[in-house]
């Protein structure tokens, strides 16, 4: 099997995103904040600017640009080129 991965800074909050879900946690880290979003496909960490208004309990849509998706072997965890 294959597992897909994407870095938190590559995920975009979008009105018509590919995935939708609920914010479960927010952690501010200075100029940025990380929000955990539980989607129908699993949990994702998303990096947003600190001034972004997403908070725990909010619903949001996410866009995962395909050029930033990476594939990994689910058995070994190794990247697949």
N, C-alpha and C. Protein backbone atom coordinates (compact mmCIF):
# COMPACT_ATOMS: atom_id res chain seq x y z
N UNK A 1 0.80 -1.17 0.00
CA UNK A 1 0.00 0.00 0.00
C UNK A 1 0.86 1.26 0.00
N UNK A 2 0.20 2.33 -0.26
CA UNK A 2 0.84 3.64 -0.34
C UNK A 2 0.17 4.59 0.63
N UNK A 3 0.98 5.40 1.29
CA UNK A 3 0.50 6.47 2.17
C UNK A 3 0.97 7.78 1.56
N UNK A 4 0.09 8.78 1.54
CA UNK A 4 0.47 10.10 1.04
C UNK A 4 0.79 11.02 2.19
N UNK A 5 1.75 11.89 1.99
CA UNK A 5 2.14 12.88 2.99
C UNK A 5 2.29 14.24 2.36
N UNK A 6 2.12 15.27 3.18
CA UNK A 6 2.29 16.64 2.72
C UNK A 6 2.70 17.49 3.92
N UNK A 7 3.59 18.43 3.71
CA UNK A 7 4.04 19.29 4.81
C UNK A 7 2.94 20.28 5.20
N UNK A 8 2.84 20.61 6.50
CA UNK A 8 1.79 21.51 6.97
C UNK A 8 1.76 22.86 6.26
N UNK A 9 2.93 23.37 5.86
CA UNK A 9 2.98 24.69 5.21
C UNK A 9 2.50 24.65 3.76
N UNK A 10 2.32 23.46 3.19
CA UNK A 10 1.87 23.33 1.80
C UNK A 10 0.36 23.19 1.68
N UNK A 11 -0.31 22.90 2.78
CA UNK A 11 -1.77 22.77 2.77
C UNK A 11 -2.38 24.17 2.83
N UNK A 12 -3.41 24.39 2.03
CA UNK A 12 -4.06 25.69 1.98
C UNK A 12 -5.51 25.60 2.49
N UNK A 13 -5.91 26.57 3.30
CA UNK A 13 -7.30 26.71 3.68
C UNK A 13 -8.01 27.31 2.47
N UNK A 14 -9.09 26.67 2.02
CA UNK A 14 -9.77 27.09 0.80
C UNK A 14 -11.28 26.91 0.95
N UNK A 15 -12.04 27.78 0.29
CA UNK A 15 -13.50 27.67 0.36
C UNK A 15 -13.99 26.37 -0.28
N UNK A 16 -13.39 25.98 -1.39
CA UNK A 16 -13.80 24.78 -2.11
C UNK A 16 -12.66 23.77 -2.14
N UNK A 17 -12.13 23.43 -0.99
CA UNK A 17 -11.00 22.53 -0.92
C UNK A 17 -11.38 21.08 -1.16
N UNK A 18 -10.38 20.26 -1.40
CA UNK A 18 -10.58 18.83 -1.68
C UNK A 18 -11.08 18.08 -0.46
N UNK A 19 -10.72 18.54 0.72
CA UNK A 19 -11.12 17.90 1.98
C UNK A 19 -11.80 18.92 2.88
N UNK A 20 -12.68 18.44 3.71
CA UNK A 20 -13.26 19.33 4.72
C UNK A 20 -13.17 18.64 6.07
N UNK A 21 -13.19 19.43 7.12
CA UNK A 21 -13.09 18.85 8.45
C UNK A 21 -13.27 19.89 9.53
N UNK A 22 -13.02 19.44 10.75
CA UNK A 22 -13.19 20.29 11.94
C UNK A 22 -11.84 20.47 12.62
N UNK A 23 -11.57 21.71 13.01
CA UNK A 23 -10.34 22.03 13.75
C UNK A 23 -10.47 21.45 15.15
N UNK A 24 -9.48 20.66 15.54
CA UNK A 24 -9.51 20.05 16.87
C UNK A 24 -8.55 20.71 17.85
N UNK A 25 -7.55 21.43 17.32
CA UNK A 25 -6.57 22.07 18.20
C UNK A 25 -5.86 23.17 17.44
N UNK A 26 -5.44 24.19 18.17
CA UNK A 26 -4.65 25.29 17.60
C UNK A 26 -3.48 25.57 18.52
N UNK A 27 -2.29 25.73 17.92
CA UNK A 27 -1.10 26.07 18.70
C UNK A 27 -0.41 27.24 18.02
N UNK A 28 -0.32 28.36 18.71
CA UNK A 28 0.36 29.54 18.17
C UNK A 28 1.85 29.43 18.43
N UNK A 29 2.65 29.80 17.42
CA UNK A 29 4.11 29.69 17.53
C UNK A 29 4.78 30.97 17.06
N UNK A 30 4.25 32.10 17.44
CA UNK A 30 4.82 33.37 16.99
C UNK A 30 4.09 33.87 15.75
N UNK A 31 4.81 33.95 14.63
CA UNK A 31 4.22 34.47 13.39
C UNK A 31 3.27 33.48 12.75
N UNK A 32 3.33 32.22 13.15
CA UNK A 32 2.49 31.17 12.59
C UNK A 32 1.67 30.52 13.68
N UNK A 33 0.68 29.74 13.23
CA UNK A 33 -0.09 28.87 14.11
C UNK A 33 -0.25 27.54 13.39
N UNK A 34 -0.30 26.48 14.16
CA UNK A 34 -0.57 25.15 13.62
C UNK A 34 -1.95 24.74 14.10
N UNK A 35 -2.78 24.32 13.16
CA UNK A 35 -4.11 23.83 13.52
C UNK A 35 -4.20 22.37 13.07
N UNK A 36 -4.76 21.55 13.93
CA UNK A 36 -5.02 20.16 13.60
C UNK A 36 -6.45 20.08 13.10
N UNK A 37 -6.62 19.47 11.92
CA UNK A 37 -7.94 19.36 11.30
C UNK A 37 -8.25 17.88 11.12
N UNK A 38 -9.37 17.44 11.69
CA UNK A 38 -9.82 16.06 11.53
C UNK A 38 -10.74 16.02 10.30
N UNK A 39 -10.32 15.26 9.29
CA UNK A 39 -11.08 15.15 8.04
C UNK A 39 -11.62 13.73 7.90
N UNK A 40 -12.41 13.52 6.86
CA UNK A 40 -12.94 12.19 6.58
C UNK A 40 -11.83 11.21 6.16
N UNK A 41 -10.64 11.74 5.81
CA UNK A 41 -9.51 10.92 5.38
C UNK A 41 -8.41 10.83 6.45
N UNK A 42 -8.66 11.39 7.63
CA UNK A 42 -7.67 11.37 8.70
C UNK A 42 -7.32 12.77 9.16
N UNK A 43 -6.43 12.85 10.13
CA UNK A 43 -6.04 14.14 10.71
C UNK A 43 -4.88 14.75 9.93
N UNK A 44 -4.93 16.08 9.80
CA UNK A 44 -3.86 16.84 9.14
C UNK A 44 -3.45 18.00 10.02
N UNK A 45 -2.16 18.31 10.03
CA UNK A 45 -1.65 19.52 10.66
C UNK A 45 -1.47 20.56 9.56
N UNK A 46 -1.96 21.77 9.80
CA UNK A 46 -1.92 22.84 8.81
C UNK A 46 -1.26 24.06 9.43
N UNK A 47 -0.28 24.65 8.73
CA UNK A 47 0.34 25.88 9.21
C UNK A 47 -0.36 27.06 8.57
N UNK A 48 -0.79 28.01 9.40
CA UNK A 48 -1.47 29.22 8.94
C UNK A 48 -0.79 30.43 9.59
N UNK A 49 -0.96 31.62 9.02
CA UNK A 49 -0.45 32.81 9.71
C UNK A 49 -1.13 32.97 11.07
N UNK A 50 -0.42 33.48 12.04
CA UNK A 50 -0.94 33.61 13.40
C UNK A 50 -2.23 34.43 13.45
N UNK A 51 -2.40 35.38 12.53
CA UNK A 51 -3.60 36.21 12.55
C UNK A 51 -4.83 35.50 11.96
N UNK A 52 -4.64 34.31 11.38
CA UNK A 52 -5.75 33.55 10.81
C UNK A 52 -6.72 33.20 11.93
N UNK A 53 -8.01 33.24 11.64
CA UNK A 53 -9.01 33.12 12.69
C UNK A 53 -9.50 31.71 12.99
N UNK A 54 -8.92 30.67 12.38
CA UNK A 54 -9.37 29.31 12.67
C UNK A 54 -9.13 28.96 14.13
N UNK A 55 -10.14 28.41 14.77
CA UNK A 55 -10.08 28.01 16.17
C UNK A 55 -10.66 26.61 16.33
N UNK A 56 -10.36 25.97 17.44
CA UNK A 56 -10.92 24.65 17.74
C UNK A 56 -12.44 24.70 17.63
N UNK A 57 -12.99 23.71 16.93
CA UNK A 57 -14.43 23.63 16.72
C UNK A 57 -14.89 24.17 15.37
N UNK A 58 -14.08 25.01 14.73
CA UNK A 58 -14.44 25.56 13.43
C UNK A 58 -14.40 24.48 12.36
N UNK A 59 -15.28 24.59 11.38
CA UNK A 59 -15.22 23.75 10.19
C UNK A 59 -14.45 24.50 9.12
N UNK A 60 -13.70 23.77 8.31
CA UNK A 60 -12.92 24.39 7.25
C UNK A 60 -12.75 23.42 6.10
N UNK A 61 -12.35 23.94 4.95
CA UNK A 61 -12.01 23.14 3.78
C UNK A 61 -10.53 23.34 3.50
N UNK A 62 -9.90 22.30 2.98
CA UNK A 62 -8.46 22.32 2.73
C UNK A 62 -8.16 21.92 1.30
N UNK A 63 -7.16 22.55 0.73
CA UNK A 63 -6.67 22.21 -0.60
C UNK A 63 -5.27 21.62 -0.44
N UNK A 64 -5.03 20.48 -1.06
CA UNK A 64 -3.73 19.81 -1.02
C UNK A 64 -3.16 19.82 -2.43
N UNK A 65 -2.36 20.82 -2.77
CA UNK A 65 -1.83 20.91 -4.13
C UNK A 65 -1.07 19.63 -4.50
N UNK A 66 -1.43 19.00 -5.60
CA UNK A 66 -0.84 17.70 -5.94
C UNK A 66 0.68 17.74 -6.11
N UNK A 67 1.24 18.87 -6.51
CA UNK A 67 2.70 18.92 -6.70
C UNK A 67 3.45 18.79 -5.38
N UNK A 68 2.78 18.95 -4.24
CA UNK A 68 3.43 18.85 -2.94
C UNK A 68 3.14 17.52 -2.24
N UNK A 69 2.29 16.67 -2.80
CA UNK A 69 2.01 15.37 -2.20
C UNK A 69 3.19 14.43 -2.41
N UNK A 70 3.54 13.68 -1.40
CA UNK A 70 4.62 12.71 -1.47
C UNK A 70 4.06 11.34 -1.15
N UNK A 71 4.59 10.33 -1.80
CA UNK A 71 4.14 8.95 -1.59
C UNK A 71 5.16 8.18 -0.75
N UNK A 72 4.63 7.36 0.15
CA UNK A 72 5.47 6.54 1.02
C UNK A 72 4.93 5.11 1.03
N UNK A 73 5.84 4.15 1.10
CA UNK A 73 5.47 2.76 1.22
C UNK A 73 4.88 2.56 2.61
N UNK A 74 3.66 2.04 2.70
CA UNK A 74 3.01 1.90 4.00
C UNK A 74 3.67 0.85 4.89
N UNK A 75 4.35 -0.11 4.30
CA UNK A 75 5.01 -1.14 5.10
C UNK A 75 6.34 -0.68 5.68
N UNK A 76 7.12 0.06 4.89
CA UNK A 76 8.46 0.46 5.33
C UNK A 76 8.56 1.92 5.76
N UNK A 77 7.64 2.75 5.30
CA UNK A 77 7.71 4.17 5.58
C UNK A 77 8.66 4.92 4.65
N UNK A 78 9.27 4.21 3.74
CA UNK A 78 10.23 4.84 2.82
C UNK A 78 9.53 5.59 1.69
N UNK A 79 10.15 6.69 1.28
CA UNK A 79 9.62 7.49 0.18
C UNK A 79 9.66 6.69 -1.11
N UNK A 80 8.63 6.89 -1.92
CA UNK A 80 8.56 6.28 -3.24
C UNK A 80 8.76 7.39 -4.25
N UNK A 81 9.71 7.21 -5.17
CA UNK A 81 9.98 8.27 -6.15
C UNK A 81 9.00 8.23 -7.30
